[in-house]
PDB file of N, CA and C in Angstrom:
ATOM      1  N   UNK A   1      93.609 134.292 240.045  1.00  0.00           N
ATOM      2  CA  UNK A   1      93.905 135.107 238.880  1.00  0.00           C
ATOM      3  C   UNK A   1      92.582 135.703 238.384  1.00  0.00           C
ATOM      4  N   UNK A   2      92.571 137.007 238.134  1.00  0.00           N
ATOM      5  CA  UNK A   2      91.346 137.631 237.620  1.00  0.00           C
ATOM      6  C   UNK A   2      90.913 137.009 236.290  1.00  0.00           C
ATOM      7  N   UNK A   3      89.623 136.995 236.062  1.00  0.00           N
ATOM      8  CA  UNK A   3      89.048 136.360 234.872  1.00  0.00           C
ATOM      9  C   UNK A   3      89.608 136.953 233.571  1.00  0.00           C
ATOM     10  N   UNK A   4      89.853 138.271 233.551  1.00  0.00           N
ATOM     11  CA  UNK A   4      90.375 138.914 232.338  1.00  0.00           C
ATOM     12  C   UNK A   4      91.743 138.339 231.966  1.00  0.00           C
ATOM     13  N   UNK A   5      92.589 138.092 232.962  1.00  0.00           N
ATOM     14  CA  UNK A   5      93.894 137.506 232.677  1.00  0.00           C
ATOM     15  C   UNK A   5      93.739 136.075 232.183  1.00  0.00           C
ATOM     16  N   UNK A   6      92.842 135.335 232.812  1.00  0.00           N
ATOM     17  CA  UNK A   6      92.604 133.957 232.384  1.00  0.00           C
ATOM     18  C   UNK A   6      92.138 133.927 230.930  1.00  0.00           C
ATOM     19  N   UNK A   7      91.200 134.803 230.577  1.00  0.00           N
ATOM     20  CA  UNK A   7      90.714 134.860 229.200  1.00  0.00           C
ATOM     21  C   UNK A   7      91.832 135.229 228.233  1.00  0.00           C
ATOM     22  N   UNK A   8      92.689 136.155 228.644  1.00  0.00           N
ATOM     23  CA  UNK A   8      93.808 136.558 227.787  1.00  0.00           C
ATOM     24  C   UNK A   8      94.752 135.380 227.541  1.00  0.00           C
ATOM     25  N   UNK A   9      95.053 134.622 228.587  1.00  0.00           N
ATOM     26  CA  UNK A   9      95.931 133.463 228.418  1.00  0.00           C
ATOM     27  C   UNK A   9      95.273 132.387 227.556  1.00  0.00           C
ATOM     28  N   UNK A  10      93.966 132.232 227.686  1.00  0.00           N
ATOM     29  CA  UNK A  10      93.245 131.285 226.825  1.00  0.00           C
ATOM     30  C   UNK A  10      93.393 131.705 225.363  1.00  0.00           C
ATOM     31  N   UNK A  11      93.293 133.011 225.086  1.00  0.00           N
ATOM     32  CA  UNK A  11      93.463 133.506 223.722  1.00  0.00           C
ATOM     33  C   UNK A  11      94.863 133.268 223.189  1.00  0.00           C
ATOM     34  N   UNK A  12      95.864 133.501 224.017  1.00  0.00           N
ATOM     35  CA  UNK A  12      97.246 133.261 223.601  1.00  0.00           C
ATOM     36  C   UNK A  12      97.457 131.779 223.317  1.00  0.00           C
ATOM     37  N   UNK A  13      96.992 130.938 224.227  1.00  0.00           N
ATOM     38  CA  UNK A  13      97.153 129.492 224.043  1.00  0.00           C
ATOM     39  C   UNK A  13      96.406 128.998 222.810  1.00  0.00           C
ATOM     40  N   UNK A  14      95.242 129.578 222.526  1.00  0.00           N
ATOM     41  CA  UNK A  14      94.512 129.204 221.319  1.00  0.00           C
ATOM     42  C   UNK A  14      95.376 129.460 220.083  1.00  0.00           C
ATOM     43  N   UNK A  15      95.956 130.655 220.012  1.00  0.00           N
ATOM     44  CA  UNK A  15      96.777 131.000 218.842  1.00  0.00           C
ATOM     45  C   UNK A  15      97.984 130.078 218.718  1.00  0.00           C
ATOM     46  N   UNK A  16      98.638 129.805 219.830  1.00  0.00           N
ATOM     47  CA  UNK A  16      99.822 128.956 219.789  1.00  0.00           C
ATOM     48  C   UNK A  16      99.438 127.528 219.393  1.00  0.00           C
ATOM     49  N   UNK A  17      98.300 127.059 219.865  1.00  0.00           N
ATOM     50  CA  UNK A  17      97.894 125.683 219.597  1.00  0.00           C
ATOM     51  C   UNK A  17      97.349 125.479 218.184  1.00  0.00           C
ATOM     52  N   UNK A  18      96.557 126.444 217.689  1.00  0.00           N
ATOM     53  CA  UNK A  18      95.806 126.205 216.458  1.00  0.00           C
ATOM     54  C   UNK A  18      96.267 127.005 215.242  1.00  0.00           C
ATOM     55  N   UNK A  19      97.079 128.018 215.437  1.00  0.00           N
ATOM     56  CA  UNK A  19      97.512 128.842 214.306  1.00  0.00           C
ATOM     57  C   UNK A  19      98.936 128.450 213.900  1.00  0.00           C
ATOM     58  N   UNK A  20      99.061 127.866 212.720  1.00  0.00           N
ATOM     59  CA  UNK A  20     100.359 127.369 212.239  1.00  0.00           C
ATOM     60  C   UNK A  20     101.421 128.468 212.221  1.00  0.00           C
ATOM     61  N   UNK A  21     101.062 129.644 211.712  1.00  0.00           N
ATOM     62  CA  UNK A  21     102.052 130.724 211.625  1.00  0.00           C
ATOM     63  C   UNK A  21     102.474 131.221 213.002  1.00  0.00           C
ATOM     64  N   UNK A  22     101.572 131.161 213.977  1.00  0.00           N
ATOM     65  CA  UNK A  22     101.939 131.561 215.339  1.00  0.00           C
ATOM     66  C   UNK A  22     102.980 130.589 215.889  1.00  0.00           C
ATOM     67  N   UNK A  23     102.832 129.311 215.588  1.00  0.00           N
ATOM     68  CA  UNK A  23     103.834 128.336 216.014  1.00  0.00           C
ATOM     69  C   UNK A  23     105.192 128.660 215.400  1.00  0.00           C
ATOM     70  N   UNK A  24     105.192 129.004 214.119  1.00  0.00           N
ATOM     71  CA  UNK A  24     106.438 129.369 213.440  1.00  0.00           C
ATOM     72  C   UNK A  24     107.056 130.601 214.088  1.00  0.00           C
ATOM     73  N   UNK A  25     106.235 131.611 214.360  1.00  0.00           N
ATOM     74  CA  UNK A  25     106.749 132.834 214.997  1.00  0.00           C
ATOM     75  C   UNK A  25     107.277 132.554 216.401  1.00  0.00           C
ATOM     76  N   UNK A  26     106.619 131.678 217.139  1.00  0.00           N
ATOM     77  CA  UNK A  26     107.078 131.346 218.491  1.00  0.00           C
ATOM     78  C   UNK A  26     108.423 130.616 218.446  1.00  0.00           C
ATOM     79  N   UNK A  27     108.586 129.709 217.498  1.00  0.00           N
ATOM     80  CA  UNK A  27     109.867 129.013 217.346  1.00  0.00           C
ATOM     81  C   UNK A  27     110.961 130.010 216.984  1.00  0.00           C
ATOM     82  N   UNK A  28     110.664 130.914 216.047  1.00  0.00           N
ATOM     83  CA  UNK A  28     111.645 131.937 215.666  1.00  0.00           C
ATOM     84  C   UNK A  28     111.987 132.830 216.852  1.00  0.00           C
ATOM     85  N   UNK A  29     110.985 133.175 217.651  1.00  0.00           N
ATOM     86  CA  UNK A  29     111.224 134.015 218.825  1.00  0.00           C
ATOM     87  C   UNK A  29     112.128 133.299 219.831  1.00  0.00           C
ATOM     88  N   UNK A  30     111.888 132.020 220.048  1.00  0.00           N
ATOM     89  CA  UNK A  30     112.732 131.247 220.970  1.00  0.00           C
ATOM     90  C   UNK A  30     114.168 131.144 220.457  1.00  0.00           C
ATOM     91  N   UNK A  31     114.307 130.913 219.159  1.00  0.00           N
ATOM     92  CA  UNK A  31     115.648 130.852 218.572  1.00  0.00           C
ATOM     93  C   UNK A  31     116.367 132.197 218.703  1.00  0.00           C
ATOM     94  N   UNK A  32     115.645 133.277 218.442  1.00  0.00           N
ATOM     95  CA  UNK A  32     116.245 134.614 218.565  1.00  0.00           C
ATOM     96  C   UNK A  32     116.631 134.886 220.010  1.00  0.00           C
ATOM     97  N   UNK A  33     115.784 134.478 220.948  1.00  0.00           N
ATOM     98  CA  UNK A  33     116.096 134.660 222.367  1.00  0.00           C
ATOM     99  C   UNK A  33     117.324 133.876 222.785  1.00  0.00           C
ATOM    100  N   UNK A  34     117.436 132.632 222.328  1.00  0.00           N
ATOM    101  CA  UNK A  34     118.619 131.828 222.646  1.00  0.00           C
ATOM    102  C   UNK A  34     119.880 132.442 222.037  1.00  0.00           C
ATOM    103  N   UNK A  35     119.766 132.894 220.812  1.00  0.00           N
ATOM    104  CA  UNK A  35     120.908 133.531 220.149  1.00  0.00           C
ATOM    105  C   UNK A  35     121.302 134.820 220.875  1.00  0.00           C
ATOM    106  N   UNK A  36     120.320 135.589 221.299  1.00  0.00           N
ATOM    107  CA  UNK A  36     120.600 136.825 222.040  1.00  0.00           C
ATOM    108  C   UNK A  36     121.314 136.527 223.352  1.00  0.00           C
ATOM    109  N   UNK A  37     120.873 135.468 224.031  1.00  0.00           N
ATOM    110  CA  UNK A  37     121.524 135.080 225.282  1.00  0.00           C
ATOM    111  C   UNK A  37     122.959 134.623 225.010  1.00  0.00           C
ATOM    112  N   UNK A  38     123.141 133.806 223.976  1.00  0.00           N
ATOM    113  CA  UNK A  38     124.455 133.287 223.642  1.00  0.00           C
ATOM    114  C   UNK A  38     125.427 134.405 223.247  1.00  0.00           C
ATOM    115  N   UNK A  39     124.919 135.387 222.500  1.00  0.00           N
ATOM    116  CA  UNK A  39     125.757 136.504 222.061  1.00  0.00           C
ATOM    117  C   UNK A  39     125.864 137.609 223.110  1.00  0.00           C
ATOM    118  N   UNK A  40     125.157 137.457 224.208  1.00  0.00           N
ATOM    119  CA  UNK A  40     125.175 138.418 225.316  1.00  0.00           C
ATOM    120  C   UNK A  40     124.833 139.836 224.851  1.00  0.00           C
ATOM    121  N   UNK A  41     123.662 139.956 224.229  1.00  0.00           N
ATOM    122  CA  UNK A  41     123.205 141.289 223.818  1.00  0.00           C
ATOM    123  C   UNK A  41     123.069 142.177 225.048  1.00  0.00           C
ATOM    124  N   UNK A  42     123.351 143.458 224.873  1.00  0.00           N
ATOM    125  CA  UNK A  42     123.193 144.370 225.999  1.00  0.00           C
ATOM    126  C   UNK A  42     121.708 144.671 226.212  1.00  0.00           C
ATOM    127  N   UNK A  43     121.396 145.406 227.259  1.00  0.00           N
ATOM    128  CA  UNK A  43     119.987 145.611 227.627  1.00  0.00           C
ATOM    129  C   UNK A  43     119.202 146.359 226.557  1.00  0.00           C
ATOM    130  N   UNK A  44     119.832 147.286 225.864  1.00  0.00           N
ATOM    131  CA  UNK A  44     119.121 148.031 224.823  1.00  0.00           C
ATOM    132  C   UNK A  44     118.872 147.151 223.592  1.00  0.00           C
ATOM    133  N   UNK A  45     119.843 146.328 223.253  1.00  0.00           N
ATOM    134  CA  UNK A  45     119.641 145.397 222.151  1.00  0.00           C
ATOM    135  C   UNK A  45     118.535 144.390 222.493  1.00  0.00           C
ATOM    136  N   UNK A  46     118.525 143.925 223.738  1.00  0.00           N
ATOM    137  CA  UNK A  46     117.464 143.001 224.176  1.00  0.00           C
ATOM    138  C   UNK A  46     116.096 143.682 224.131  1.00  0.00           C
ATOM    139  N   UNK A  47     116.047 144.929 224.537  1.00  0.00           N
ATOM    140  CA  UNK A  47     114.789 145.670 224.502  1.00  0.00           C
ATOM    141  C   UNK A  47     114.273 145.777 223.069  1.00  0.00           C
ATOM    142  N   UNK A  48     115.157 146.107 222.147  1.00  0.00           N
ATOM    143  CA  UNK A  48     114.772 146.195 220.732  1.00  0.00           C
ATOM    144  C   UNK A  48     114.291 144.832 220.232  1.00  0.00           C
ATOM    145  N   UNK A  49     115.001 143.776 220.605  1.00  0.00           N
ATOM    146  CA  UNK A  49     114.607 142.431 220.181  1.00  0.00           C
ATOM    147  C   UNK A  49     113.240 142.058 220.745  1.00  0.00           C
ATOM    148  N   UNK A  50     113.009 142.313 222.017  1.00  0.00           N
ATOM    149  CA  UNK A  50     111.721 141.990 222.639  1.00  0.00           C
ATOM    150  C   UNK A  50     110.574 142.777 222.022  1.00  0.00           C
ATOM    151  N   UNK A  51     110.797 144.061 221.747  1.00  0.00           N
ATOM    152  CA  UNK A  51     109.757 144.861 221.096  1.00  0.00           C
ATOM    153  C   UNK A  51     109.456 144.353 219.692  1.00  0.00           C
ATOM    154  N   UNK A  52     110.491 143.948 218.997  1.00  0.00           N
ATOM    155  CA  UNK A  52     110.309 143.427 217.647  1.00  0.00           C
ATOM    156  C   UNK A  52     109.551 142.102 217.665  1.00  0.00           C
ATOM    157  N   UNK A  53     109.963 141.208 218.542  1.00  0.00           N
ATOM    158  CA  UNK A  53     109.277 139.921 218.663  1.00  0.00           C
ATOM    159  C   UNK A  53     107.820 140.131 219.044  1.00  0.00           C
ATOM    160  N   UNK A  54     107.581 140.997 220.019  1.00  0.00           N
ATOM    161  CA  UNK A  54     106.194 141.208 220.458  1.00  0.00           C
ATOM    162  C   UNK A  54     105.350 141.822 219.351  1.00  0.00           C
ATOM    163  N   UNK A  55     105.932 142.666 218.511  1.00  0.00           N
ATOM    164  CA  UNK A  55     105.144 143.256 217.422  1.00  0.00           C
ATOM    165  C   UNK A  55     104.699 142.192 216.425  1.00  0.00           C
ATOM    166  N   UNK A  56     105.549 141.214 216.149  1.00  0.00           N
ATOM    167  CA  UNK A  56     105.176 140.137 215.232  1.00  0.00           C
ATOM    168  C   UNK A  56     104.093 139.259 215.856  1.00  0.00           C
ATOM    169  N   UNK A  57     104.252 138.906 217.121  1.00  0.00           N
ATOM    170  CA  UNK A  57     103.268 138.048 217.784  1.00  0.00           C
ATOM    171  C   UNK A  57     101.912 138.740 217.904  1.00  0.00           C
ATOM    172  N   UNK A  58     101.936 140.029 218.247  1.00  0.00           N
ATOM    173  CA  UNK A  58     100.678 140.775 218.343  1.00  0.00           C
ATOM    174  C   UNK A  58     100.026 140.895 216.964  1.00  0.00           C
ATOM    175  N   UNK A  59     100.818 141.172 215.944  1.00  0.00           N
ATOM    176  CA  UNK A  59     100.257 141.265 214.585  1.00  0.00           C
ATOM    177  C   UNK A  59      99.615 139.940 214.183  1.00  0.00           C
ATOM    178  N   UNK A  60     100.263 138.831 214.500  1.00  0.00           N
ATOM    179  CA  UNK A  60      99.705 137.512 214.163  1.00  0.00           C
ATOM    180  C   UNK A  60      98.401 137.264 214.909  1.00  0.00           C
ATOM    181  N   UNK A  61      98.346 137.670 216.161  1.00  0.00           N
ATOM    182  CA  UNK A  61      97.112 137.489 216.938  1.00  0.00           C
ATOM    183  C   UNK A  61      95.992 138.369 216.394  1.00  0.00           C
ATOM    184  N   UNK A  62      96.306 139.604 216.038  1.00  0.00           N
ATOM    185  CA  UNK A  62      95.293 140.488 215.463  1.00  0.00           C
ATOM    186  C   UNK A  62      94.820 139.964 214.102  1.00  0.00           C
ATOM    187  N   UNK A  63      95.722 139.361 213.347  1.00  0.00           N
ATOM    188  CA  UNK A  63      95.340 138.735 212.083  1.00  0.00           C
ATOM    189  C   UNK A  63      94.332 137.610 212.339  1.00  0.00           C
ATOM    190  N   UNK A  64      94.556 136.831 213.372  1.00  0.00           N
ATOM    191  CA  UNK A  64      93.618 135.771 213.730  1.00  0.00           C
ATOM    192  C   UNK A  64      92.260 136.358 214.101  1.00  0.00           C
ATOM    193  N   UNK A  65      92.270 137.466 214.840  1.00  0.00           N
ATOM    194  CA  UNK A  65      91.013 138.128 215.211  1.00  0.00           C
ATOM    195  C   UNK A  65      90.259 138.573 213.961  1.00  0.00           C
ATOM    196  N   UNK A  66      90.956 139.239 213.058  1.00  0.00           N
ATOM    197  CA  UNK A  66      90.307 139.726 211.836  1.00  0.00           C
ATOM    198  C   UNK A  66      89.745 138.562 211.031  1.00  0.00           C
ATOM    199  N   UNK A  67      90.540 137.524 210.829  1.00  0.00           N
ATOM    200  CA  UNK A  67      90.064 136.378 210.049  1.00  0.00           C
ATOM    201  C   UNK A  67      88.838 135.736 210.693  1.00  0.00           C
ATOM    202  N   UNK A  68      88.845 135.593 212.008  1.00  0.00           N
ATOM    203  CA  UNK A  68      87.721 134.976 212.710  1.00  0.00           C
ATOM    204  C   UNK A  68      86.469 135.838 212.605  1.00  0.00           C
ATOM    205  N   UNK A  69      86.619 137.134 212.828  1.00  0.00           N
ATOM    206  CA  UNK A  69      85.463 138.037 212.745  1.00  0.00           C
ATOM    207  C   UNK A  69      84.899 138.096 211.326  1.00  0.00           C
ATOM    208  N   UNK A  70      85.774 138.139 210.346  1.00  0.00           N
ATOM    209  CA  UNK A  70      85.305 138.168 208.955  1.00  0.00           C
ATOM    210  C   UNK A  70      84.548 136.887 208.635  1.00  0.00           C
ATOM    211  N   UNK A  71      85.038 135.749 209.104  1.00  0.00           N
ATOM    212  CA  UNK A  71      84.344 134.487 208.850  1.00  0.00           C
ATOM    213  C   UNK A  71      82.964 134.460 209.515  1.00  0.00           C
ATOM    214  N   UNK A  72      82.827 135.089 210.672  1.00  0.00           N
ATOM    215  CA  UNK A  72      81.529 135.154 211.354  1.00  0.00           C
ATOM    216  C   UNK A  72      80.568 136.071 210.597  1.00  0.00           C
ATOM    217  N   UNK A  73      81.061 137.254 210.247  1.00  0.00           N
ATOM    218  CA  UNK A  73      80.210 138.272 209.625  1.00  0.00           C
ATOM    219  C   UNK A  73      79.892 137.933 208.176  1.00  0.00           C
ATOM    220  N   UNK A  74      80.855 137.362 207.479  1.00  0.00           N
ATOM    221  CA  UNK A  74      80.684 137.092 206.045  1.00  0.00           C
ATOM    222  C   UNK A  74      81.147 135.679 205.719  1.00  0.00           C
ATOM    223  N   UNK A  75      80.328 134.671 206.072  1.00  0.00           N
ATOM    224  CA  UNK A  75      80.751 133.298 205.791  1.00  0.00           C
ATOM    225  C   UNK A  75      80.853 132.986 204.296  1.00  0.00           C
ATOM    226  N   UNK A  76      80.117 133.732 203.480  1.00  0.00           N
ATOM    227  CA  UNK A  76      80.230 133.537 202.033  1.00  0.00           C
ATOM    228  C   UNK A  76      81.395 134.380 201.509  1.00  0.00           C
ATOM    229  N   UNK A  77      81.860 134.032 200.325  1.00  0.00           N
ATOM    230  CA  UNK A  77      82.965 134.764 199.719  1.00  0.00           C
ATOM    231  C   UNK A  77      82.476 136.162 199.340  1.00  0.00           C
ATOM    232  N   UNK A  78      83.248 137.163 199.768  1.00  0.00           N
ATOM    233  CA  UNK A  78      82.893 138.547 199.466  1.00  0.00           C
ATOM    234  C   UNK A  78      84.193 139.321 199.234  1.00  0.00           C
ATOM    235  N   UNK A  79      84.228 140.209 198.240  1.00  0.00           N
ATOM    236  CA  UNK A  79      85.471 140.937 197.947  1.00  0.00           C
ATOM    237  C   UNK A  79      85.972 141.789 199.114  1.00  0.00           C
ATOM    238  N   UNK A  80      85.068 142.373 199.890  1.00  0.00           N
ATOM    239  CA  UNK A  80      85.500 143.177 201.040  1.00  0.00           C
ATOM    240  C   UNK A  80      86.052 142.307 202.165  1.00  0.00           C
ATOM    241  N   UNK A  81      85.498 141.111 202.325  1.00  0.00           N
ATOM    242  CA  UNK A  81      86.033 140.175 203.318  1.00  0.00           C
ATOM    243  C   UNK A  81      87.461 139.782 202.942  1.00  0.00           C
ATOM    244  N   UNK A  82      87.687 139.576 201.657  1.00  0.00           N
ATOM    245  CA  UNK A  82      89.034 139.242 201.185  1.00  0.00           C
ATOM    246  C   UNK A  82      90.008 140.382 201.461  1.00  0.00           C
ATOM    247  N   UNK A  83      89.563 141.604 201.233  1.00  0.00           N
ATOM    248  CA  UNK A  83      90.432 142.765 201.498  1.00  0.00           C
ATOM    249  C   UNK A  83      90.808 142.816 202.973  1.00  0.00           C
ATOM    250  N   UNK A  84      89.829 142.639 203.858  1.00  0.00           N
ATOM    251  CA  UNK A  84      90.105 142.685 205.301  1.00  0.00           C
ATOM    252  C   UNK A  84      91.128 141.622 205.688  1.00  0.00           C
ATOM    253  N   UNK A  85      90.954 140.411 205.194  1.00  0.00           N
ATOM    254  CA  UNK A  85      91.883 139.332 205.516  1.00  0.00           C
ATOM    255  C   UNK A  85      93.265 139.585 204.922  1.00  0.00           C
ATOM    256  N   UNK A  86      93.305 140.071 203.687  1.00  0.00           N
ATOM    257  CA  UNK A  86      94.589 140.331 203.029  1.00  0.00           C
ATOM    258  C   UNK A  86      95.359 141.455 203.721  1.00  0.00           C
ATOM    259  N   UNK A  87      94.656 142.492 204.134  1.00  0.00           N
ATOM    260  CA  UNK A  87      95.320 143.609 204.814  1.00  0.00           C
ATOM    261  C   UNK A  87      95.876 143.150 206.169  1.00  0.00           C
ATOM    262  N   UNK A  88      95.105 142.360 206.900  1.00  0.00           N
ATOM    263  CA  UNK A  88      95.588 141.842 208.188  1.00  0.00           C
ATOM    264  C   UNK A  88      96.814 140.953 207.986  1.00  0.00           C
ATOM    265  N   UNK A  89      96.779 140.108 206.966  1.00  0.00           N
ATOM    266  CA  UNK A  89      97.939 139.264 206.665  1.00  0.00           C
ATOM    267  C   UNK A  89      99.133 140.117 206.235  1.00  0.00           C
ATOM    268  N   UNK A  90      98.865 141.193 205.505  1.00  0.00           N
ATOM    269  CA  UNK A  90      99.938 142.104 205.102  1.00  0.00           C
ATOM    270  C   UNK A  90     100.609 142.757 206.291  1.00  0.00           C
ATOM    271  N   UNK A  91      99.836 143.077 207.319  1.00  0.00           N
ATOM    272  CA  UNK A  91     100.414 143.666 208.532  1.00  0.00           C
ATOM    273  C   UNK A  91     101.391 142.692 209.188  1.00  0.00           C
ATOM    274  N   UNK A  92     101.035 141.420 209.221  1.00  0.00           N
ATOM    275  CA  UNK A  92     101.936 140.407 209.775  1.00  0.00           C
ATOM    276  C   UNK A  92     103.194 140.299 208.923  1.00  0.00           C
ATOM    277  N   UNK A  93     103.022 140.336 207.615  1.00  0.00           N
ATOM    278  CA  UNK A  93     104.171 140.245 206.722  1.00  0.00           C
ATOM    279  C   UNK A  93     105.130 141.414 206.934  1.00  0.00           C
ATOM    280  N   UNK A  94     104.597 142.621 207.049  1.00  0.00           N
ATOM    281  CA  UNK A  94     105.456 143.793 207.290  1.00  0.00           C
ATOM    282  C   UNK A  94     106.207 143.640 208.608  1.00  0.00           C
ATOM    283  N   UNK A  95     105.501 143.267 209.671  1.00  0.00           N
ATOM    284  CA  UNK A  95     106.157 143.091 210.969  1.00  0.00           C
ATOM    285  C   UNK A  95     107.241 142.018 210.887  1.00  0.00           C
ATOM    286  N   UNK A  96     106.974 140.950 210.155  1.00  0.00           N
ATOM    287  CA  UNK A  96     107.947 139.865 210.033  1.00  0.00           C
ATOM    288  C   UNK A  96     109.180 140.289 209.237  1.00  0.00           C
ATOM    289  N   UNK A  97     108.961 141.009 208.154  1.00  0.00           N
ATOM    290  CA  UNK A  97     110.099 141.481 207.346  1.00  0.00           C
ATOM    291  C   UNK A  97     110.958 142.456 208.145  1.00  0.00           C
ATOM    292  N   UNK A  98     110.317 143.391 208.837  1.00  0.00           N
ATOM    293  CA  UNK A  98     111.075 144.330 209.667  1.00  0.00           C
ATOM    294  C   UNK A  98     111.851 143.580 210.741  1.00  0.00           C
ATOM    295  N   UNK A  99     111.248 142.524 211.302  1.00  0.00           N
ATOM    296  CA  UNK A  99     111.952 141.758 212.335  1.00  0.00           C
ATOM    297  C   UNK A  99     113.202 141.082 211.774  1.00  0.00           C
ATOM    298  N   UNK A 100     113.149 140.672 210.520  1.00  0.00           N
ATOM    299  CA  UNK A 100     114.344 140.100 209.899  1.00  0.00           C
ATOM    300  C   UNK A 100     115.456 141.142 209.789  1.00  0.00           C
ATOM    301  N   UNK A 101     115.097 142.366 209.412  1.00  0.00           N
ATOM    302  CA  UNK A 101     116.098 143.440 209.349  1.00  0.00           C
ATOM    303  C   UNK A 101     116.673 143.731 210.728  1.00  0.00           C
ATOM    304  N   UNK A 102     115.817 143.783 211.732  1.00  0.00           N
ATOM    305  CA  UNK A 102     116.282 144.030 213.102  1.00  0.00           C
ATOM    306  C   UNK A 102     117.218 142.905 213.540  1.00  0.00           C
ATOM    307  N   UNK A 103     116.838 141.664 213.265  1.00  0.00           N
ATOM    308  CA  UNK A 103     117.696 140.535 213.597  1.00  0.00           C
ATOM    309  C   UNK A 103     119.043 140.618 212.908  1.00  0.00           C
ATOM    310  N   UNK A 104     119.034 141.000 211.648  1.00  0.00           N
ATOM    311  CA  UNK A 104     120.290 141.169 210.915  1.00  0.00           C
ATOM    312  C   UNK A 104     121.167 142.220 211.598  1.00  0.00           C
ATOM    313  N   UNK A 105     120.577 143.355 211.925  1.00  0.00           N
ATOM    314  CA  UNK A 105     121.334 144.436 212.552  1.00  0.00           C
ATOM    315  C   UNK A 105     121.884 144.005 213.908  1.00  0.00           C
ATOM    316  N   UNK A 106     121.071 143.278 214.687  1.00  0.00           N
ATOM    317  CA  UNK A 106     121.502 142.884 216.027  1.00  0.00           C
ATOM    318  C   UNK A 106     122.512 141.741 216.017  1.00  0.00           C
ATOM    319  N   UNK A 107     122.360 140.795 215.089  1.00  0.00           N
ATOM    320  CA  UNK A 107     123.127 139.557 215.182  1.00  0.00           C
ATOM    321  C   UNK A 107     124.281 139.421 214.200  1.00  0.00           C
ATOM    322  N   UNK A 108     124.187 139.973 213.018  1.00  0.00           N
ATOM    323  CA  UNK A 108     125.136 139.659 211.964  1.00  0.00           C
ATOM    324  C   UNK A 108     126.585 139.952 212.366  1.00  0.00           C
ATOM    325  N   UNK A 109     126.835 141.172 212.808  1.00  0.00           N
ATOM    326  CA  UNK A 109     128.209 141.553 213.138  1.00  0.00           C
ATOM    327  C   UNK A 109     128.754 140.703 214.287  1.00  0.00           C
ATOM    328  N   UNK A 110     127.916 140.431 215.287  1.00  0.00           N
ATOM    329  CA  UNK A 110     128.372 139.647 216.429  1.00  0.00           C
ATOM    330  C   UNK A 110     128.643 138.195 216.050  1.00  0.00           C
ATOM    331  N   UNK A 111     127.918 137.673 215.075  1.00  0.00           N
ATOM    332  CA  UNK A 111     128.117 136.292 214.655  1.00  0.00           C
ATOM    333  C   UNK A 111     129.373 136.110 213.798  1.00  0.00           C
ATOM    334  N   UNK A 112     129.743 137.122 213.018  1.00  0.00           N
ATOM    335  CA  UNK A 112     130.799 136.955 212.040  1.00  0.00           C
ATOM    336  C   UNK A 112     132.061 137.739 212.353  1.00  0.00           C
ATOM    337  N   UNK A 113     132.265 138.124 213.599  1.00  0.00           N
ATOM    338  CA  UNK A 113     133.527 138.810 213.907  1.00  0.00           C
ATOM    339  C   UNK A 113     134.569 137.873 214.405  1.00  0.00           C
TER     340      UNK A 113
END
């Protein structure tokens, strides 16, 4: 396996192992995947679900990058460091909220008919 892929997997495993919110997102993603399989979503619904899940996971990973870089560059408390961290966390929140709406649209009618 090329070194770049190995490094990428190390980064993913780091987030899953050490970032509490990434663990929560991974559990939610697995539950959504199981529900999608059980409800037999069609290929387009699955595509939408996969894109939505990946957007949340990528946002969480980028949030980890921002937090880590800010801690390196500005170990002391600084108002701009707080803004960078808050904005990155806000991006994860937006992706997560949108994913809830997507889940509602994909699953609600199929669950309650």
